[in-house]
Amino acid sequence: MAKKIRLTQEEEIIRLLSREGFKEISPEELLQEPYKTLSKMPDCFCMPAGKNRSARKTV
């Protein structure tokens, strides 16, 4: 009797997402709006020049 081949977790997730209507975005599409602004890091994550994290520590 043949055994059923099990999908990996990655394959199961891809199958589930495609069934729900999601699609993979190509690198060319990522350079266009609205994906261009979504992939940009928020300003609050940028550290000002000249300041390091150790200066913000309080004892």
PDB file of N, CA and C in Angstrom:
ATOM      1  N   MET A   1       0.840  -1.177   0.000  1.00  0.00           N
ATOM      2  CA  MET A   1       0.000   0.000   0.000  1.00  0.00           C
ATOM      3  C   MET A   1       0.888   1.244   0.000  1.00  0.00           C
ATOM      4  N   ALA A   2       0.554   2.206  -0.809  1.00  0.00           N
ATOM      5  CA  ALA A   2       1.346   3.425  -0.936  1.00  0.00           C
ATOM      6  C   ALA A   2       1.076   4.352   0.245  1.00  0.00           C
ATOM      7  N   LYS A   3       2.143   4.978   0.710  1.00  0.00           N
ATOM      8  CA  LYS A   3       2.001   5.942   1.793  1.00  0.00           C
ATOM      9  C   LYS A   3       1.726   7.324   1.219  1.00  0.00           C
ATOM     10  N   LYS A   4       0.921   8.084   1.914  1.00  0.00           N
ATOM     11  CA  LYS A   4       0.615   9.440   1.488  1.00  0.00           C
ATOM     12  C   LYS A   4       1.797  10.343   1.853  1.00  0.00           C
ATOM     13  N   ILE A   5       2.269  11.118   0.890  1.00  0.00           N
ATOM     14  CA  ILE A   5       3.393  12.014   1.130  1.00  0.00           C
ATOM     15  C   ILE A   5       2.882  13.255   1.853  1.00  0.00           C
ATOM     16  N   ARG A   6       3.505  13.551   2.987  1.00  0.00           N
ATOM     17  CA  ARG A   6       3.100  14.723   3.764  1.00  0.00           C
ATOM     18  C   ARG A   6       3.841  15.954   3.272  1.00  0.00           C
ATOM     19  N   LEU A   7       3.136  17.082   3.251  1.00  0.00           N
ATOM     20  CA  LEU A   7       3.745  18.346   2.872  1.00  0.00           C
ATOM     21  C   LEU A   7       4.538  18.905   4.048  1.00  0.00           C
ATOM     22  N   THR A   8       5.563  19.700   3.740  1.00  0.00           N
ATOM     23  CA  THR A   8       6.296  20.379   4.794  1.00  0.00           C
ATOM     24  C   THR A   8       5.431  21.520   5.315  1.00  0.00           C
ATOM     25  N   GLN A   9       5.812  22.107   6.436  1.00  0.00           N
ATOM     26  CA  GLN A   9       5.038  23.228   6.984  1.00  0.00           C
ATOM     27  C   GLN A   9       5.008  24.389   6.004  1.00  0.00           C
ATOM     28  N   GLU A  10       6.131  24.624   5.338  1.00  0.00           N
ATOM     29  CA  GLU A  10       6.197  25.717   4.371  1.00  0.00           C
ATOM     30  C   GLU A  10       5.224  25.482   3.225  1.00  0.00           C
ATOM     31  N   GLU A  11       5.187  24.264   2.715  1.00  0.00           N
ATOM     32  CA  GLU A  11       4.279  23.937   1.618  1.00  0.00           C
ATOM     33  C   GLU A  11       2.818  24.029   2.050  1.00  0.00           C
ATOM     34  N   GLU A  12       2.516  23.630   3.278  1.00  0.00           N
ATOM     35  CA  GLU A  12       1.150  23.727   3.784  1.00  0.00           C
ATOM     36  C   GLU A  12       0.713  25.179   3.904  1.00  0.00           C
ATOM     37  N   ILE A  13       1.610  26.032   4.385  1.00  0.00           N
ATOM     38  CA  ILE A  13       1.274  27.453   4.538  1.00  0.00           C
ATOM     39  C   ILE A  13       1.072  28.106   3.183  1.00  0.00           C
ATOM     40  N   ILE A  14       1.937  27.806   2.225  1.00  0.00           N
ATOM     41  CA  ILE A  14       1.794  28.363   0.880  1.00  0.00           C
ATOM     42  C   ILE A  14       0.478  27.919   0.260  1.00  0.00           C
ATOM     43  N   ARG A  15       0.125  26.664   0.449  1.00  0.00           N
ATOM     44  CA  ARG A  15      -1.142  26.154  -0.078  1.00  0.00           C
ATOM     45  C   ARG A  15      -2.331  26.855   0.573  1.00  0.00           C
ATOM     46  N   LEU A  16      -2.266  27.043   1.878  1.00  0.00           N
ATOM     47  CA  LEU A  16      -3.339  27.722   2.605  1.00  0.00           C
ATOM     48  C   LEU A  16      -3.481  29.174   2.145  1.00  0.00           C
ATOM     49  N   LEU A  17      -2.364  29.887   2.021  1.00  0.00           N
ATOM     50  CA  LEU A  17      -2.417  31.288   1.599  1.00  0.00           C
ATOM     51  C   LEU A  17      -2.935  31.429   0.172  1.00  0.00           C
ATOM     52  N   SER A  18      -2.522  30.551  -0.718  1.00  0.00           N
ATOM     53  CA  SER A  18      -3.017  30.640  -2.098  1.00  0.00           C
ATOM     54  C   SER A  18      -4.509  30.320  -2.153  1.00  0.00           C
ATOM     55  N   ARG A  19      -4.967  29.411  -1.300  1.00  0.00           N
ATOM     56  CA  ARG A  19      -6.395  29.091  -1.254  1.00  0.00           C
ATOM     57  C   ARG A  19      -7.195  30.287  -0.743  1.00  0.00           C
ATOM     58  N   GLU A  20      -6.593  31.091   0.160  1.00  0.00           N
ATOM     59  CA  GLU A  20      -7.272  32.264   0.708  1.00  0.00           C
ATOM     60  C   GLU A  20      -7.197  33.482  -0.213  1.00  0.00           C
ATOM     61  N   GLY A  21      -6.444  33.375  -1.322  1.00  0.00           N
ATOM     62  CA  GLY A  21      -6.406  34.468  -2.289  1.00  0.00           C
ATOM     63  C   GLY A  21      -5.148  35.307  -2.247  1.00  0.00           C
ATOM     64  N   PHE A  22      -4.165  34.946  -1.421  1.00  0.00           N
ATOM     65  CA  PHE A  22      -2.920  35.690  -1.384  1.00  0.00           C
ATOM     66  C   PHE A  22      -2.064  35.286  -2.573  1.00  0.00           C
ATOM     67  N   LYS A  23      -1.196  36.215  -3.011  1.00  0.00           N
ATOM     68  CA  LYS A  23      -0.287  35.890  -4.101  1.00  0.00           C
ATOM     69  C   LYS A  23       1.112  36.387  -3.761  1.00  0.00           C
ATOM     70  N   GLU A  24       2.104  35.779  -4.391  1.00  0.00           N
ATOM     71  CA  GLU A  24       3.487  36.165  -4.171  1.00  0.00           C
ATOM     72  C   GLU A  24       3.778  37.420  -4.974  1.00  0.00           C
ATOM     73  N   ILE A  25       4.508  38.355  -4.373  1.00  0.00           N
ATOM     74  CA  ILE A  25       4.820  39.625  -5.015  1.00  0.00           C
ATOM     75  C   ILE A  25       6.233  39.545  -5.573  1.00  0.00           C
ATOM     76  N   SER A  26       6.376  39.912  -6.839  1.00  0.00           N
ATOM     77  CA  SER A  26       7.691  39.881  -7.478  1.00  0.00           C
ATOM     78  C   SER A  26       8.531  41.075  -7.010  1.00  0.00           C
ATOM     79  N   PRO A  27       9.857  40.987  -7.119  1.00  0.00           N
ATOM     80  CA  PRO A  27      10.715  42.129  -6.726  1.00  0.00           C
ATOM     81  C   PRO A  27      10.396  43.403  -7.509  1.00  0.00           C
ATOM     82  N   GLU A  28       9.949  43.266  -8.753  1.00  0.00           N
ATOM     83  CA  GLU A  28       9.586  44.453  -9.538  1.00  0.00           C
ATOM     84  C   GLU A  28       8.356  45.137  -8.949  1.00  0.00           C
ATOM     85  N   GLU A  29       7.396  44.346  -8.478  1.00  0.00           N
ATOM     86  CA  GLU A  29       6.186  44.914  -7.871  1.00  0.00           C
ATOM     87  C   GLU A  29       6.499  45.603  -6.548  1.00  0.00           C
ATOM     88  N   LEU A  30       7.511  45.102  -5.821  1.00  0.00           N
ATOM     89  CA  LEU A  30       7.875  45.708  -4.539  1.00  0.00           C
ATOM     90  C   LEU A  30       8.404  47.131  -4.690  1.00  0.00           C
ATOM     91  N   LEU A  31       8.930  47.467  -5.861  1.00  0.00           N
ATOM     92  CA  LEU A  31       9.473  48.803  -6.096  1.00  0.00           C
ATOM     93  C   LEU A  31       8.403  49.813  -6.465  1.00  0.00           C
ATOM     94  N   GLN A  32       7.147  49.365  -6.613  1.00  0.00           N
ATOM     95  CA  GLN A  32       6.042  50.255  -6.962  1.00  0.00           C
ATOM     96  C   GLN A  32       5.170  50.508  -5.740  1.00  0.00           C
ATOM     97  N   GLU A  33       4.340  51.539  -5.831  1.00  0.00           N
ATOM     98  CA  GLU A  33       3.386  51.811  -4.760  1.00  0.00           C
ATOM     99  C   GLU A  33       2.308  50.749  -4.777  1.00  0.00           C
ATOM    100  N   PRO A  34       1.690  50.388  -3.715  1.00  0.00           N
ATOM    101  CA  PRO A  34       1.842  50.815  -2.326  1.00  0.00           C
ATOM    102  C   PRO A  34       2.918  50.050  -1.570  1.00  0.00           C
ATOM    103  N   TYR A  35       3.556  49.070  -2.217  1.00  0.00           N
ATOM    104  CA  TYR A  35       4.533  48.239  -1.520  1.00  0.00           C
ATOM    105  C   TYR A  35       5.802  49.002  -1.187  1.00  0.00           C
ATOM    106  N   LYS A  36       6.131  50.004  -1.974  1.00  0.00           N
ATOM    107  CA  LYS A  36       7.359  50.775  -1.764  1.00  0.00           C
ATOM    108  C   LYS A  36       7.355  51.440  -0.392  1.00  0.00           C
ATOM    109  N   THR A  37       6.254  52.058  -0.009  1.00  0.00           N
ATOM    110  CA  THR A  37       6.191  52.735   1.288  1.00  0.00           C
ATOM    111  C   THR A  37       5.982  51.747   2.425  1.00  0.00           C
ATOM    112  N   LEU A  38       5.403  50.585   2.159  1.00  0.00           N
ATOM    113  CA  LEU A  38       5.216  49.590   3.202  1.00  0.00           C
ATOM    114  C   LEU A  38       6.530  48.956   3.628  1.00  0.00           C
ATOM    115  N   SER A  39       7.483  48.844   2.699  1.00  0.00           N
ATOM    116  CA  SER A  39       8.752  48.210   3.021  1.00  0.00           C
ATOM    117  C   SER A  39       9.758  49.180   3.633  1.00  0.00           C
ATOM    118  N   LYS A  40       9.431  50.472   3.693  1.00  0.00           N
ATOM    119  CA  LYS A  40      10.318  51.473   4.264  1.00  0.00           C
ATOM    120  C   LYS A  40      10.242  51.422   5.791  1.00  0.00           C
ATOM    121  N   MET A  41      11.401  51.497   6.452  1.00  0.00           N
ATOM    122  CA  MET A  41      11.442  51.496   7.915  1.00  0.00           C
ATOM    123  C   MET A  41      10.853  52.805   8.451  1.00  0.00           C
ATOM    124  N   PRO A  42      10.092  52.759   9.525  1.00  0.00           N
ATOM    125  CA  PRO A  42       9.548  53.982  10.123  1.00  0.00           C
ATOM    126  C   PRO A  42      10.661  54.878  10.656  1.00  0.00           C
ATOM    127  N   ASP A  43      10.378  56.180  10.724  1.00  0.00           N
ATOM    128  CA  ASP A  43      11.378  57.143  11.190  1.00  0.00           C
ATOM    129  C   ASP A  43      11.776  56.906  12.641  1.00  0.00           C
ATOM    130  N   CYS A  44      10.882  56.358  13.452  1.00  0.00           N
ATOM    131  CA  CYS A  44      11.189  56.164  14.862  1.00  0.00           C
ATOM    132  C   CYS A  44      12.277  55.110  15.086  1.00  0.00           C
ATOM    133  N   PHE A  45      12.581  54.283  14.082  1.00  0.00           N
ATOM    134  CA  PHE A  45      13.628  53.284  14.211  1.00  0.00           C
ATOM    135  C   PHE A  45      15.005  53.835  13.859  1.00  0.00           C
ATOM    136  N   CYS A  46      15.038  55.018  13.277  1.00  0.00           N
ATOM    137  CA  CYS A  46      16.316  55.608  12.876  1.00  0.00           C
ATOM    138  C   CYS A  46      16.915  56.367  14.054  1.00  0.00           C
ATOM    139  N   MET A  47      18.176  56.063  14.378  1.00  0.00           N
ATOM    140  CA  MET A  47      18.869  56.756  15.459  1.00  0.00           C
ATOM    141  C   MET A  47      19.495  58.029  14.894  1.00  0.00           C
ATOM    142  N   PRO A  48      19.393  59.157  15.609  1.00  0.00           N
ATOM    143  CA  PRO A  48      20.051  60.379  15.154  1.00  0.00           C
ATOM    144  C   PRO A  48      21.571  60.188  15.139  1.00  0.00           C
ATOM    145  N   ALA A  49      22.226  60.840  14.206  1.00  0.00           N
ATOM    146  CA  ALA A  49      23.676  60.710  14.077  1.00  0.00           C
ATOM    147  C   ALA A  49      24.371  61.279  15.308  1.00  0.00           C
ATOM    148  N   GLY A  50      25.396  60.594  15.771  1.00  0.00           N
ATOM    149  CA  GLY A  50      26.175  61.075  16.908  1.00  0.00           C
ATOM    150  C   GLY A  50      25.698  60.569  18.250  1.00  0.00           C
ATOM    151  N   LYS A  51      24.531  59.974  18.313  1.00  0.00           N
ATOM    152  CA  LYS A  51      24.024  59.453  19.583  1.00  0.00           C
ATOM    153  C   LYS A  51      24.115  57.944  19.561  1.00  0.00           C
ATOM    154  N   ASN A  52      24.534  57.370  20.655  1.00  0.00           N
ATOM    155  CA  ASN A  52      24.561  55.915  20.733  1.00  0.00           C
ATOM    156  C   ASN A  52      23.658  55.470  21.874  1.00  0.00           C
ATOM    157  N   ARG A  53      23.374  54.233  21.936  1.00  0.00           N
ATOM    158  CA  ARG A  53      22.416  53.718  22.918  1.00  0.00           C
ATOM    159  C   ARG A  53      22.954  53.780  24.350  1.00  0.00           C
ATOM    160  N   SER A  54      24.265  53.660  24.513  1.00  0.00           N
ATOM    161  CA  SER A  54      24.812  53.668  25.858  1.00  0.00           C
ATOM    162  C   SER A  54      24.638  55.033  26.535  1.00  0.00           C
ATOM    163  N   ALA A  55      24.531  56.101  25.759  1.00  0.00           N
ATOM    164  CA  ALA A  55      24.335  57.425  26.335  1.00  0.00           C
ATOM    165  C   ALA A  55      22.936  57.580  26.918  1.00  0.00           C
ATOM    166  N   ARG A  56      21.974  56.784  26.438  1.00  0.00           N
ATOM    167  CA  ARG A  56      20.604  56.907  26.928  1.00  0.00           C
ATOM    168  C   ARG A  56      20.346  56.100  28.183  1.00  0.00           C
ATOM    169  N   LYS A  57      21.265  55.231  28.555  1.00  0.00           N
ATOM    170  CA  LYS A  57      21.070  54.412  29.750  1.00  0.00           C
ATOM    171  C   LYS A  57      21.215  55.267  31.004  1.00  0.00           C
ATOM    172  N   THR A  58      20.328  55.049  31.947  1.00  0.00           N
ATOM    173  CA  THR A  58      20.429  55.757  33.218  1.00  0.00           C
ATOM    174  C   THR A  58      20.800  54.770  34.307  1.00  0.00           C
ATOM    175  N   VAL A  59      21.555  55.240  35.277  1.00  0.00           N
ATOM    176  CA  VAL A  59      22.013  54.348  36.348  1.00  0.00           C
ATOM    177  C   VAL A  59      21.201  54.560  37.582  1.00  0.00           C
TER     178      VAL A  59
END
